[in-house]
């Protein structure tokens, strides 16, 4: 099963991305914040995680690091997607984490995001 977990506190963004990937045949789980995202990642073991940077409870970098400490979640690829302005240093900080495969803006074209997801999670028949 091609399960994607979206961890994002922005309802419009996560709904848009969820609908897009559901239409492509993916199964999508949603978490509204970092704490819920960590619990769901351990429970459903997604093939990939789309992670926001700025969230009200646990931020993206803490989520990445928590995923790294758990044998069940450390190898799940994570695409970090932010709606806030970011500089090169923030991008480099996230990319140092072993499970962070990409750092991009929420203004990214959904077709580009799809290509990134499919390159990391080949579709199963």
PDB file of N, CA and C in Angstrom:
ATOM      1  N   UNK A   1       0.852  -1.183   0.000  1.00  0.00           N
ATOM      2  CA  UNK A   1       0.000   0.000   0.000  1.00  0.00           C
ATOM      3  C   UNK A   1       0.892   1.238   0.000  1.00  0.00           C
ATOM      4  N   UNK A   2       0.572   2.203  -0.858  1.00  0.00           N
ATOM      5  CA  UNK A   2       1.311   3.460  -0.929  1.00  0.00           C
ATOM      6  C   UNK A   2       0.680   4.481   0.005  1.00  0.00           C
ATOM      7  N   UNK A   3       1.114   4.449   1.257  1.00  0.00           N
ATOM      8  CA  UNK A   3       0.551   5.311   2.290  1.00  0.00           C
ATOM      9  C   UNK A   3       1.431   6.529   2.512  1.00  0.00           C
ATOM     10  N   UNK A   4       0.822   7.699   2.401  1.00  0.00           N
ATOM     11  CA  UNK A   4       1.489   8.970   2.653  1.00  0.00           C
ATOM     12  C   UNK A   4       0.923   9.541   3.945  1.00  0.00           C
ATOM     13  N   UNK A   5       1.791  10.052   4.798  1.00  0.00           N
ATOM     14  CA  UNK A   5       1.358  10.771   5.998  1.00  0.00           C
ATOM     15  C   UNK A   5       1.690  12.240   5.805  1.00  0.00           C
ATOM     16  N   UNK A   6       0.672  13.093   5.912  1.00  0.00           N
ATOM     17  CA  UNK A   6       0.861  14.539   5.826  1.00  0.00           C
ATOM     18  C   UNK A   6       0.755  15.097   7.230  1.00  0.00           C
ATOM     19  N   UNK A   7       1.831  15.733   7.692  1.00  0.00           N
ATOM     20  CA  UNK A   7       1.847  16.363   9.020  1.00  0.00           C
ATOM     21  C   UNK A   7       1.918  17.867   8.784  1.00  0.00           C
ATOM     22  N   UNK A   8       0.784  18.537   8.971  1.00  0.00           N
ATOM     23  CA  UNK A   8       0.708  19.966   8.659  1.00  0.00           C
ATOM     24  C   UNK A   8      -0.477  20.578   9.393  1.00  0.00           C
ATOM     25  N   UNK A   9      -0.281  21.751   9.966  1.00  0.00           N
ATOM     26  CA  UNK A   9      -1.365  22.399  10.695  1.00  0.00           C
ATOM     27  C   UNK A   9      -2.240  23.281   9.795  1.00  0.00           C
ATOM     28  N   UNK A  10      -1.872  23.439   8.519  1.00  0.00           N
ATOM     29  CA  UNK A  10      -2.642  24.261   7.591  1.00  0.00           C
ATOM     30  C   UNK A  10      -3.671  23.383   6.887  1.00  0.00           C
ATOM     31  N   UNK A  11      -4.939  23.557   7.232  1.00  0.00           N
ATOM     32  CA  UNK A  11      -5.997  22.687   6.738  1.00  0.00           C
ATOM     33  C   UNK A  11      -6.145  22.779   5.214  1.00  0.00           C
ATOM     34  N   UNK A  12      -6.022  23.972   4.658  1.00  0.00           N
ATOM     35  CA  UNK A  12      -6.172  24.128   3.216  1.00  0.00           C
ATOM     36  C   UNK A  12      -5.077  23.372   2.468  1.00  0.00           C
ATOM     37  N   UNK A  13      -3.834  23.518   2.921  1.00  0.00           N
ATOM     38  CA  UNK A  13      -2.725  22.862   2.244  1.00  0.00           C
ATOM     39  C   UNK A  13      -2.837  21.345   2.342  1.00  0.00           C
ATOM     40  N   UNK A  14      -3.065  20.844   3.545  1.00  0.00           N
ATOM     41  CA  UNK A  14      -3.099  19.383   3.687  1.00  0.00           C
ATOM     42  C   UNK A  14      -4.288  18.778   2.964  1.00  0.00           C
ATOM     43  N   UNK A  15      -5.407  19.474   2.896  1.00  0.00           N
ATOM     44  CA  UNK A  15      -6.566  18.977   2.158  1.00  0.00           C
ATOM     45  C   UNK A  15      -6.270  18.947   0.667  1.00  0.00           C
ATOM     46  N   UNK A  16      -5.663  20.008   0.144  1.00  0.00           N
ATOM     47  CA  UNK A  16      -5.333  20.076  -1.277  1.00  0.00           C
ATOM     48  C   UNK A  16      -4.373  18.942  -1.656  1.00  0.00           C
ATOM     49  N   UNK A  17      -3.323  18.745  -0.861  1.00  0.00           N
ATOM     50  CA  UNK A  17      -2.330  17.702  -1.153  1.00  0.00           C
ATOM     51  C   UNK A  17      -2.943  16.314  -0.962  1.00  0.00           C
ATOM     52  N   UNK A  18      -3.733  16.154   0.068  1.00  0.00           N
ATOM     53  CA  UNK A  18      -4.389  14.869   0.320  1.00  0.00           C
ATOM     54  C   UNK A  18      -5.298  14.491  -0.846  1.00  0.00           C
ATOM     55  N   UNK A  19      -6.122  15.430  -1.294  1.00  0.00           N
ATOM     56  CA  UNK A  19      -7.025  15.166  -2.414  1.00  0.00           C
ATOM     57  C   UNK A  19      -6.239  14.818  -3.677  1.00  0.00           C
ATOM     58  N   UNK A  20      -5.163  15.545  -3.923  1.00  0.00           N
ATOM     59  CA  UNK A  20      -4.338  15.317  -5.115  1.00  0.00           C
ATOM     60  C   UNK A  20      -3.780  13.892  -5.130  1.00  0.00           C
ATOM     61  N   UNK A  21      -3.166  13.487  -4.008  1.00  0.00           N
ATOM     62  CA  UNK A  21      -2.550  12.163  -3.968  1.00  0.00           C
ATOM     63  C   UNK A  21      -3.592  11.037  -3.874  1.00  0.00           C
ATOM     64  N   UNK A  22      -4.722  11.291  -3.255  1.00  0.00           N
ATOM     65  CA  UNK A  22      -5.795  10.306  -3.223  1.00  0.00           C
ATOM     66  C   UNK A  22      -6.295  10.034  -4.645  1.00  0.00           C
ATOM     67  N   UNK A  23      -6.436  11.098  -5.431  1.00  0.00           N
ATOM     68  CA  UNK A  23      -6.864  10.944  -6.826  1.00  0.00           C
ATOM     69  C   UNK A  23      -5.857  10.135  -7.645  1.00  0.00           C
ATOM     70  N   UNK A  24      -4.588  10.132  -7.221  1.00  0.00           N
ATOM     71  CA  UNK A  24      -3.545   9.368  -7.914  1.00  0.00           C
ATOM     72  C   UNK A  24      -3.477   7.907  -7.444  1.00  0.00           C
ATOM     73  N   UNK A  25      -4.309   7.560  -6.462  1.00  0.00           N
ATOM     74  CA  UNK A  25      -4.345   6.183  -5.990  1.00  0.00           C
ATOM     75  C   UNK A  25      -3.566   5.923  -4.714  1.00  0.00           C
ATOM     76  N   UNK A  26      -3.056   6.972  -4.089  1.00  0.00           N
ATOM     77  CA  UNK A  26      -2.359   6.813  -2.814  1.00  0.00           C
ATOM     78  C   UNK A  26      -3.374   6.789  -1.678  1.00  0.00           C
ATOM     79  N   UNK A  27      -2.996   6.158  -0.589  1.00  0.00           N
ATOM     80  CA  UNK A  27      -3.753   6.251   0.653  1.00  0.00           C
ATOM     81  C   UNK A  27      -3.095   7.342   1.472  1.00  0.00           C
ATOM     82  N   UNK A  28      -3.890   8.254   2.015  1.00  0.00           N
ATOM     83  CA  UNK A  28      -3.339   9.403   2.730  1.00  0.00           C
ATOM     84  C   UNK A  28      -3.883   9.446   4.150  1.00  0.00           C
ATOM     85  N   UNK A  29      -2.983   9.588   5.097  1.00  0.00           N
ATOM     86  CA  UNK A  29      -3.333   9.849   6.494  1.00  0.00           C
ATOM     87  C   UNK A  29      -2.924  11.290   6.792  1.00  0.00           C
ATOM     88  N   UNK A  30      -3.658  11.933   7.680  1.00  0.00           N
ATOM     89  CA  UNK A  30      -3.381  13.330   8.018  1.00  0.00           C
ATOM     90  C   UNK A  30      -3.174  13.473   9.515  1.00  0.00           C
ATOM     91  N   UNK A  31      -2.190  14.300   9.866  1.00  0.00           N
ATOM     92  CA  UNK A  31      -1.972  14.684  11.259  1.00  0.00           C
ATOM     93  C   UNK A  31      -1.945  16.211  11.300  1.00  0.00           C
ATOM     94  N   UNK A  32      -2.644  16.780  12.259  1.00  0.00           N
ATOM     95  CA  UNK A  32      -2.783  18.232  12.335  1.00  0.00           C
ATOM     96  C   UNK A  32      -1.634  18.923  13.061  1.00  0.00           C
ATOM     97  N   UNK A  33      -0.752  18.140  13.690  1.00  0.00           N
ATOM     98  CA  UNK A  33       0.371  18.746  14.400  1.00  0.00           C
ATOM     99  C   UNK A  33       1.478  17.698  14.572  1.00  0.00           C
ATOM    100  N   UNK A  34       2.600  18.146  15.076  1.00  0.00           N
ATOM    101  CA  UNK A  34       3.750  17.258  15.199  1.00  0.00           C
ATOM    102  C   UNK A  34       3.540  16.096  16.146  1.00  0.00           C
ATOM    103  N   UNK A  35       2.910  16.349  17.262  1.00  0.00           N
ATOM    104  CA  UNK A  35       2.672  15.288  18.247  1.00  0.00           C
ATOM    105  C   UNK A  35       1.784  14.187  17.654  1.00  0.00           C
ATOM    106  N   UNK A  36       0.697  14.591  17.022  1.00  0.00           N
ATOM    107  CA  UNK A  36      -0.197  13.626  16.375  1.00  0.00           C
ATOM    108  C   UNK A  36       0.535  12.917  15.234  1.00  0.00           C
ATOM    109  N   UNK A  37       1.369  13.662  14.522  1.00  0.00           N
ATOM    110  CA  UNK A  37       2.123  13.081  13.420  1.00  0.00           C
ATOM    111  C   UNK A  37       3.057  11.973  13.869  1.00  0.00           C
ATOM    112  N   UNK A  38       3.747  12.186  14.982  1.00  0.00           N
ATOM    113  CA  UNK A  38       4.641  11.153  15.512  1.00  0.00           C
ATOM    114  C   UNK A  38       3.864   9.897  15.901  1.00  0.00           C
ATOM    115  N   UNK A  39       2.716  10.087  16.541  1.00  0.00           N
ATOM    116  CA  UNK A  39       1.883   8.944  16.936  1.00  0.00           C
ATOM    117  C   UNK A  39       1.395   8.179  15.706  1.00  0.00           C
ATOM    118  N   UNK A  40       0.934   8.907  14.694  1.00  0.00           N
ATOM    119  CA  UNK A  40       0.433   8.249  13.484  1.00  0.00           C
ATOM    120  C   UNK A  40       1.557   7.567  12.717  1.00  0.00           C
ATOM    121  N   UNK A  41       2.727   8.188  12.673  1.00  0.00           N
ATOM    122  CA  UNK A  41       3.860   7.573  11.962  1.00  0.00           C
ATOM    123  C   UNK A  41       4.186   6.221  12.569  1.00  0.00           C
ATOM    124  N   UNK A  42       4.161   6.138  13.885  1.00  0.00           N
ATOM    125  CA  UNK A  42       4.457   4.864  14.557  1.00  0.00           C
ATOM    126  C   UNK A  42       3.327   3.856  14.353  1.00  0.00           C
ATOM    127  N   UNK A  43       2.092   4.336  14.307  1.00  0.00           N
ATOM    128  CA  UNK A  43       0.941   3.444  14.205  1.00  0.00           C
ATOM    129  C   UNK A  43       0.728   2.917  12.786  1.00  0.00           C
ATOM    130  N   UNK A  44       0.827   3.791  11.774  1.00  0.00           N
ATOM    131  CA  UNK A  44       0.477   3.371  10.413  1.00  0.00           C
ATOM    132  C   UNK A  44       1.687   3.075   9.531  1.00  0.00           C
ATOM    133  N   UNK A  45       2.885   3.463   9.976  1.00  0.00           N
ATOM    134  CA  UNK A  45       4.139   3.216   9.235  1.00  0.00           C
ATOM    135  C   UNK A  45       4.006   3.569   7.753  1.00  0.00           C
ATOM    136  N   UNK A  46       3.879   4.878   7.466  1.00  0.00           N
ATOM    137  CA  UNK A  46       3.718   5.307   6.078  1.00  0.00           C
ATOM    138  C   UNK A  46       4.970   5.038   5.248  1.00  0.00           C
ATOM    139  N   UNK A  47       4.814   5.033   3.947  1.00  0.00           N
ATOM    140  CA  UNK A  47       5.951   4.858   3.041  1.00  0.00           C
ATOM    141  C   UNK A  47       6.725   6.158   2.905  1.00  0.00           C
ATOM    142  N   UNK A  48       6.053   7.317   3.122  1.00  0.00           N
ATOM    143  CA  UNK A  48       6.682   8.626   3.035  1.00  0.00           C
ATOM    144  C   UNK A  48       5.890   9.611   3.888  1.00  0.00           C
ATOM    145  N   UNK A  49       6.584  10.652   4.366  1.00  0.00           N
ATOM    146  CA  UNK A  49       5.946  11.688   5.180  1.00  0.00           C
ATOM    147  C   UNK A  49       6.185  13.043   4.528  1.00  0.00           C
ATOM    148  N   UNK A  50       5.114  13.845   4.438  1.00  0.00           N
ATOM    149  CA  UNK A  50       5.209  15.237   4.022  1.00  0.00           C
ATOM    150  C   UNK A  50       5.055  16.052   5.295  1.00  0.00           C
ATOM    151  N   UNK A  51       6.076  16.836   5.630  1.00  0.00           N
ATOM    152  CA  UNK A  51       6.158  17.470   6.946  1.00  0.00           C
ATOM    153  C   UNK A  51       6.286  18.981   6.853  1.00  0.00           C
ATOM    154  N   UNK A  52       5.454  19.674   7.596  1.00  0.00           N
ATOM    155  CA  UNK A  52       5.534  21.132   7.717  1.00  0.00           C
ATOM    156  C   UNK A  52       6.655  21.495   8.689  1.00  0.00           C
ATOM    157  N   UNK A  53       7.167  22.714   8.578  1.00  0.00           N
ATOM    158  CA  UNK A  53       8.234  23.173   9.469  1.00  0.00           C
ATOM    159  C   UNK A  53       7.665  23.796  10.735  1.00  0.00           C
ATOM    160  N   UNK A  54       6.802  24.784  10.555  1.00  0.00           N
ATOM    161  CA  UNK A  54       6.271  25.544  11.684  1.00  0.00           C
ATOM    162  C   UNK A  54       4.900  25.011  12.086  1.00  0.00           C
ATOM    163  N   UNK A  55       4.842  24.424  13.290  1.00  0.00           N
ATOM    164  CA  UNK A  55       3.579  23.931  13.827  1.00  0.00           C
ATOM    165  C   UNK A  55       3.494  24.357  15.283  1.00  0.00           C
ATOM    166  N   UNK A  56       2.273  24.450  15.818  1.00  0.00           N
ATOM    167  CA  UNK A  56       2.109  25.015  17.163  1.00  0.00           C
ATOM    168  C   UNK A  56       2.683  24.201  18.316  1.00  0.00           C
ATOM    169  N   UNK A  57       2.777  22.889  18.194  1.00  0.00           N
ATOM    170  CA  UNK A  57       3.235  22.119  19.349  1.00  0.00           C
ATOM    171  C   UNK A  57       4.677  21.638  19.195  1.00  0.00           C
ATOM    172  N   UNK A  58       4.923  20.805  18.228  1.00  0.00           N
ATOM    173  CA  UNK A  58       6.274  20.305  17.969  1.00  0.00           C
ATOM    174  C   UNK A  58       6.621  20.684  16.538  1.00  0.00           C
ATOM    175  N   UNK A  59       7.719  21.401  16.355  1.00  0.00           N
ATOM    176  CA  UNK A  59       8.127  21.846  15.031  1.00  0.00           C
ATOM    177  C   UNK A  59       8.699  20.721  14.197  1.00  0.00           C
ATOM    178  N   UNK A  60       8.872  21.005  12.919  1.00  0.00           N
ATOM    179  CA  UNK A  60       9.337  20.013  11.970  1.00  0.00           C
ATOM    180  C   UNK A  60      10.678  19.393  12.315  1.00  0.00           C
ATOM    181  N   UNK A  61      11.635  20.197  12.758  1.00  0.00           N
ATOM    182  CA  UNK A  61      12.967  19.643  13.055  1.00  0.00           C
ATOM    183  C   UNK A  61      12.893  18.659  14.218  1.00  0.00           C
ATOM    184  N   UNK A  62      12.045  18.961  15.215  1.00  0.00           N
ATOM    185  CA  UNK A  62      11.885  18.037  16.347  1.00  0.00           C
ATOM    186  C   UNK A  62      11.199  16.748  15.901  1.00  0.00           C
ATOM    187  N   UNK A  63      10.225  16.870  14.993  1.00  0.00           N
ATOM    188  CA  UNK A  63       9.560  15.675  14.475  1.00  0.00           C
ATOM    189  C   UNK A  63      10.573  14.802  13.742  1.00  0.00           C
ATOM    190  N   UNK A  64      11.384  15.414  12.868  1.00  0.00           N
ATOM    191  CA  UNK A  64      12.414  14.654  12.144  1.00  0.00           C
ATOM    192  C   UNK A  64      13.326  13.910  13.105  1.00  0.00           C
ATOM    193  N   UNK A  65      13.775  14.606  14.118  1.00  0.00           N
ATOM    194  CA  UNK A  65      14.707  13.994  15.069  1.00  0.00           C
ATOM    195  C   UNK A  65      14.047  12.897  15.890  1.00  0.00           C
ATOM    196  N   UNK A  66      12.776  13.073  16.241  1.00  0.00           N
ATOM    197  CA  UNK A  66      12.053  12.018  16.962  1.00  0.00           C
ATOM    198  C   UNK A  66      11.851  10.789  16.089  1.00  0.00           C
ATOM    199  N   UNK A  67      11.571  11.007  14.815  1.00  0.00           N
ATOM    200  CA  UNK A  67      11.425   9.873  13.898  1.00  0.00           C
ATOM    201  C   UNK A  67      12.726   9.080  13.821  1.00  0.00           C
ATOM    202  N   UNK A  68      13.847   9.774  13.888  1.00  0.00           N
ATOM    203  CA  UNK A  68      15.164   9.133  13.808  1.00  0.00           C
ATOM    204  C   UNK A  68      15.452   8.223  15.001  1.00  0.00           C
ATOM    205  N   UNK A  69      14.853   8.509  16.134  1.00  0.00           N
ATOM    206  CA  UNK A  69      15.158   7.743  17.340  1.00  0.00           C
ATOM    207  C   UNK A  69      14.380   6.435  17.451  1.00  0.00           C
ATOM    208  N   UNK A  70      13.426   6.220  16.556  1.00  0.00           N
ATOM    209  CA  UNK A  70      12.565   5.041  16.620  1.00  0.00           C
ATOM    210  C   UNK A  70      12.916   4.092  15.471  1.00  0.00           C
ATOM    211  N   UNK A  71      13.214   2.838  15.807  1.00  0.00           N
ATOM    212  CA  UNK A  71      13.566   1.854  14.782  1.00  0.00           C
ATOM    213  C   UNK A  71      12.478   1.705  13.721  1.00  0.00           C
ATOM    214  N   UNK A  72      11.213   1.868  14.100  1.00  0.00           N
ATOM    215  CA  UNK A  72      10.105   1.683  13.166  1.00  0.00           C
ATOM    216  C   UNK A  72       9.920   2.858  12.203  1.00  0.00           C
ATOM    217  N   UNK A  73      10.466   4.031  12.535  1.00  0.00           N
ATOM    218  CA  UNK A  73      10.220   5.216  11.703  1.00  0.00           C
ATOM    219  C   UNK A  73      11.491   5.850  11.138  1.00  0.00           C
ATOM    220  N   UNK A  74      12.649   5.407  11.554  1.00  0.00           N
ATOM    221  CA  UNK A  74      13.876   6.101  11.155  1.00  0.00           C
ATOM    222  C   UNK A  74      14.175   6.053   9.664  1.00  0.00           C
ATOM    223  N   UNK A  75      13.681   5.047   8.964  1.00  0.00           N
ATOM    224  CA  UNK A  75      13.978   4.921   7.537  1.00  0.00           C
ATOM    225  C   UNK A  75      12.879   5.449   6.623  1.00  0.00           C
ATOM    226  N   UNK A  76      11.858   6.057   7.205  1.00  0.00           N
ATOM    227  CA  UNK A  76      10.784   6.631   6.384  1.00  0.00           C
ATOM    228  C   UNK A  76      11.298   7.936   5.769  1.00  0.00           C
ATOM    229  N   UNK A  77      11.279   8.049   4.432  1.00  0.00           N
ATOM    230  CA  UNK A  77      11.725   9.305   3.823  1.00  0.00           C
ATOM    231  C   UNK A  77      10.751  10.434   4.136  1.00  0.00           C
ATOM    232  N   UNK A  78      11.310  11.623   4.355  1.00  0.00           N
ATOM    233  CA  UNK A  78      10.507  12.788   4.707  1.00  0.00           C
ATOM    234  C   UNK A  78      10.789  13.910   3.712  1.00  0.00           C
ATOM    235  N   UNK A  79       9.705  14.498   3.184  1.00  0.00           N
ATOM    236  CA  UNK A  79       9.808  15.702   2.372  1.00  0.00           C
ATOM    237  C   UNK A  79       9.321  16.852   3.243  1.00  0.00           C
ATOM    238  N   UNK A  80      10.207  17.786   3.530  1.00  0.00           N
ATOM    239  CA  UNK A  80       9.864  18.928   4.364  1.00  0.00           C
ATOM    240  C   UNK A  80       9.347  20.028   3.446  1.00  0.00           C
ATOM    241  N   UNK A  81       8.152  20.528   3.771  1.00  0.00           N
ATOM    242  CA  UNK A  81       7.502  21.538   2.946  1.00  0.00           C
ATOM    243  C   UNK A  81       7.083  22.688   3.856  1.00  0.00           C
ATOM    244  N   UNK A  82       7.584  23.883   3.572  1.00  0.00           N
ATOM    245  CA  UNK A  82       7.311  25.017   4.446  1.00  0.00           C
ATOM    246  C   UNK A  82       6.573  26.130   3.725  1.00  0.00           C
ATOM    247  N   UNK A  83       5.702  26.788   4.463  1.00  0.00           N
ATOM    248  CA  UNK A  83       4.982  27.931   3.931  1.00  0.00           C
ATOM    249  C   UNK A  83       5.633  29.237   4.338  1.00  0.00           C
ATOM    250  N   UNK A  84       6.595  29.178   5.227  1.00  0.00           N
ATOM    251  CA  UNK A  84       7.263  30.381   5.696  1.00  0.00           C
ATOM    252  C   UNK A  84       8.525  30.622   4.877  1.00  0.00           C
ATOM    253  N   UNK A  85       8.942  31.859   4.865  1.00  0.00           N
ATOM    254  CA  UNK A  85      10.187  32.174   4.170  1.00  0.00           C
ATOM    255  C   UNK A  85      11.310  31.414   4.842  1.00  0.00           C
ATOM    256  N   UNK A  86      12.193  30.847   4.063  1.00  0.00           N
ATOM    257  CA  UNK A  86      13.324  30.152   4.651  1.00  0.00           C
ATOM    258  C   UNK A  86      14.598  30.562   3.949  1.00  0.00           C
ATOM    259  N   UNK A  87      15.668  30.590   4.697  1.00  0.00           N
ATOM    260  CA  UNK A  87      16.951  30.907   4.091  1.00  0.00           C
ATOM    261  C   UNK A  87      17.756  29.633   3.905  1.00  0.00           C
ATOM    262  N   UNK A  88      18.880  29.780   3.278  1.00  0.00           N
ATOM    263  CA  UNK A  88      19.728  28.637   2.943  1.00  0.00           C
ATOM    264  C   UNK A  88      20.140  27.864   4.199  1.00  0.00           C
ATOM    265  N   UNK A  89      20.353  28.583   5.307  1.00  0.00           N
ATOM    266  CA  UNK A  89      20.807  27.933   6.534  1.00  0.00           C
ATOM    267  C   UNK A  89      19.731  27.004   7.111  1.00  0.00           C
ATOM    268  N   UNK A  90      18.466  27.418   7.021  1.00  0.00           N
ATOM    269  CA  UNK A  90      17.390  26.563   7.521  1.00  0.00           C
ATOM    270  C   UNK A  90      17.304  25.293   6.670  1.00  0.00           C
ATOM    271  N   UNK A  91      17.387  25.464   5.370  1.00  0.00           N
ATOM    272  CA  UNK A  91      17.357  24.316   4.471  1.00  0.00           C
ATOM    273  C   UNK A  91      18.496  23.352   4.789  1.00  0.00           C
ATOM    274  N   UNK A  92      19.689  23.875   5.003  1.00  0.00           N
ATOM    275  CA  UNK A  92      20.853  23.043   5.321  1.00  0.00           C
ATOM    276  C   UNK A  92      20.676  22.314   6.645  1.00  0.00           C
ATOM    277  N   UNK A  93      20.066  22.976   7.633  1.00  0.00           N
ATOM    278  CA  UNK A  93      19.811  22.345   8.929  1.00  0.00           C
ATOM    279  C   UNK A  93      18.942  21.106   8.756  1.00  0.00           C
ATOM    280  N   UNK A  94      17.853  21.228   7.999  1.00  0.00           N
ATOM    281  CA  UNK A  94      16.961  20.092   7.780  1.00  0.00           C
ATOM    282  C   UNK A  94      17.633  18.999   6.963  1.00  0.00           C
ATOM    283  N   UNK A  95      18.374  19.378   5.955  1.00  0.00           N
ATOM    284  CA  UNK A  95      19.004  18.392   5.074  1.00  0.00           C
ATOM    285  C   UNK A  95      20.086  17.579   5.777  1.00  0.00           C
ATOM    286  N   UNK A  96      20.544  18.031   6.934  1.00  0.00           N
ATOM    287  CA  UNK A  96      21.526  17.260   7.701  1.00  0.00           C
ATOM    288  C   UNK A  96      20.899  16.033   8.352  1.00  0.00           C
ATOM    289  N   UNK A  97      19.591  16.036   8.480  1.00  0.00           N
ATOM    290  CA  UNK A  97      18.890  14.903   9.073  1.00  0.00           C
ATOM    291  C   UNK A  97      18.789  13.793   8.029  1.00  0.00           C
ATOM    292  N   UNK A  98      19.149  12.583   8.417  1.00  0.00           N
ATOM    293  CA  UNK A  98      19.258  11.466   7.479  1.00  0.00           C
ATOM    294  C   UNK A  98      17.948  11.160   6.749  1.00  0.00           C
ATOM    295  N   UNK A  99      16.818  11.368   7.394  1.00  0.00           N
ATOM    296  CA  UNK A  99      15.546  11.008   6.772  1.00  0.00           C
ATOM    297  C   UNK A  99      14.940  12.130   5.927  1.00  0.00           C
ATOM    298  N   UNK A 100      15.534  13.330   5.934  1.00  0.00           N
ATOM    299  CA  UNK A 100      15.046  14.448   5.127  1.00  0.00           C
ATOM    300  C   UNK A 100      15.565  14.303   3.700  1.00  0.00           C
ATOM    301  N   UNK A 101      14.662  14.057   2.764  1.00  0.00           N
ATOM    302  CA  UNK A 101      15.065  13.847   1.370  1.00  0.00           C
ATOM    303  C   UNK A 101      14.968  15.112   0.528  1.00  0.00           C
ATOM    304  N   UNK A 102      14.162  16.078   0.980  1.00  0.00           N
ATOM    305  CA  UNK A 102      13.977  17.308   0.215  1.00  0.00           C
ATOM    306  C   UNK A 102      13.410  18.376   1.136  1.00  0.00           C
ATOM    307  N   UNK A 103      13.751  19.625   0.847  1.00  0.00           N
ATOM    308  CA  UNK A 103      13.242  20.773   1.588  1.00  0.00           C
ATOM    309  C   UNK A 103      12.705  21.739   0.545  1.00  0.00           C
ATOM    310  N   UNK A 104      11.398  22.027   0.587  1.00  0.00           N
ATOM    311  CA  UNK A 104      10.803  22.863  -0.450  1.00  0.00           C
ATOM    312  C   UNK A 104       9.717  23.764   0.103  1.00  0.00           C
ATOM    313  N   UNK A 105       9.320  24.715  -0.713  1.00  0.00           N
ATOM    314  CA  UNK A 105       8.276  25.668  -0.356  1.00  0.00           C
ATOM    315  C   UNK A 105       6.898  25.086  -0.657  1.00  0.00           C
ATOM    316  N   UNK A 106       5.891  25.547   0.063  1.00  0.00           N
ATOM    317  CA  UNK A 106       4.517  25.113  -0.197  1.00  0.00           C
ATOM    318  C   UNK A 106       4.002  25.645  -1.534  1.00  0.00           C
ATOM    319  N   UNK A 107       4.744  26.543  -2.147  1.00  0.00           N
ATOM    320  CA  UNK A 107       4.344  27.045  -3.460  1.00  0.00           C
ATOM    321  C   UNK A 107       4.766  26.092  -4.577  1.00  0.00           C
ATOM    322  N   UNK A 108       5.367  24.968  -4.232  1.00  0.00           N
ATOM    323  CA  UNK A 108       5.818  23.987  -5.212  1.00  0.00           C
ATOM    324  C   UNK A 108       4.626  23.480  -6.035  1.00  0.00           C
ATOM    325  N   UNK A 109       4.872  23.249  -7.310  1.00  0.00           N
ATOM    326  CA  UNK A 109       3.839  22.660  -8.160  1.00  0.00           C
ATOM    327  C   UNK A 109       3.538  21.237  -7.660  1.00  0.00           C
ATOM    328  N   UNK A 110       2.267  20.880  -7.625  1.00  0.00           N
ATOM    329  CA  UNK A 110       1.900  19.549  -7.153  1.00  0.00           C
ATOM    330  C   UNK A 110       2.473  18.458  -8.053  1.00  0.00           C
ATOM    331  N   UNK A 111       2.635  18.734  -9.327  1.00  0.00           N
ATOM    332  CA  UNK A 111       3.225  17.732 -10.225  1.00  0.00           C
ATOM    333  C   UNK A 111       4.687  17.476  -9.866  1.00  0.00           C
ATOM    334  N   UNK A 112       5.397  18.513  -9.430  1.00  0.00           N
ATOM    335  CA  UNK A 112       6.789  18.342  -8.987  1.00  0.00           C
ATOM    336  C   UNK A 112       6.817  17.523  -7.697  1.00  0.00           C
ATOM    337  N   UNK A 113       5.927  17.841  -6.769  1.00  0.00           N
ATOM    338  CA  UNK A 113       5.831  17.088  -5.521  1.00  0.00           C
ATOM    339  C   UNK A 113       5.511  15.621  -5.820  1.00  0.00           C
ATOM    340  N   UNK A 114       4.614  15.381  -6.760  1.00  0.00           N
ATOM    341  CA  UNK A 114       4.277  14.016  -7.166  1.00  0.00           C
ATOM    342  C   UNK A 114       5.516  13.279  -7.672  1.00  0.00           C
ATOM    343  N   UNK A 115       6.323  13.927  -8.504  1.00  0.00           N
ATOM    344  CA  UNK A 115       7.540  13.299  -9.029  1.00  0.00           C
ATOM    345  C   UNK A 115       8.500  12.953  -7.905  1.00  0.00           C
ATOM    346  N   UNK A 116       8.627  13.837  -6.926  1.00  0.00           N
ATOM    347  CA  UNK A 116       9.505  13.568  -5.785  1.00  0.00           C
ATOM    348  C   UNK A 116       8.987  12.381  -4.981  1.00  0.00           C
ATOM    349  N   UNK A 117       7.702  12.346  -4.712  1.00  0.00           N
ATOM    350  CA  UNK A 117       7.110  11.245  -3.949  1.00  0.00           C
ATOM    351  C   UNK A 117       7.301   9.941  -4.708  1.00  0.00           C
ATOM    352  N   UNK A 118       6.996   9.941  -5.994  1.00  0.00           N
ATOM    353  CA  UNK A 118       7.092   8.706  -6.767  1.00  0.00           C
ATOM    354  C   UNK A 118       8.545   8.238  -6.945  1.00  0.00           C
ATOM    355  N   UNK A 119       9.486   9.160  -6.899  1.00  0.00           N
ATOM    356  CA  UNK A 119      10.893   8.744  -6.995  1.00  0.00           C
ATOM    357  C   UNK A 119      11.358   8.053  -5.709  1.00  0.00           C
ATOM    358  N   UNK A 120      10.725   8.416  -4.598  1.00  0.00           N
ATOM    359  CA  UNK A 120      11.090   7.822  -3.308  1.00  0.00           C
ATOM    360  C   UNK A 120      10.204   6.627  -2.952  1.00  0.00           C
ATOM    361  N   UNK A 121       9.009   6.591  -3.502  1.00  0.00           N
ATOM    362  CA  UNK A 121       8.046   5.533  -3.193  1.00  0.00           C
ATOM    363  C   UNK A 121       7.467   5.026  -4.512  1.00  0.00           C
ATOM    364  N   UNK A 122       8.175   4.128  -5.172  1.00  0.00           N
ATOM    365  CA  UNK A 122       7.634   3.580  -6.421  1.00  0.00           C
ATOM    366  C   UNK A 122       6.281   2.924  -6.170  1.00  0.00           C
ATOM    367  N   UNK A 123       5.357   3.142  -7.101  1.00  0.00           N
ATOM    368  CA  UNK A 123       4.015   2.563  -6.957  1.00  0.00           C
ATOM    369  C   UNK A 123       4.078   1.045  -6.978  1.00  0.00           C
ATOM    370  N   UNK A 124       3.358   0.450  -6.045  1.00  0.00           N
ATOM    371  CA  UNK A 124       3.227  -1.020  -6.018  1.00  0.00           C
ATOM    372  C   UNK A 124       2.030  -1.388  -6.881  1.00  0.00           C
ATOM    373  N   UNK A 125       2.110  -2.506  -7.580  1.00  0.00           N
ATOM    374  CA  UNK A 125       0.983  -2.917  -8.434  1.00  0.00           C
ATOM    375  C   UNK A 125      -0.265  -3.222  -7.639  1.00  0.00           C
TER     376      UNK A 125
END
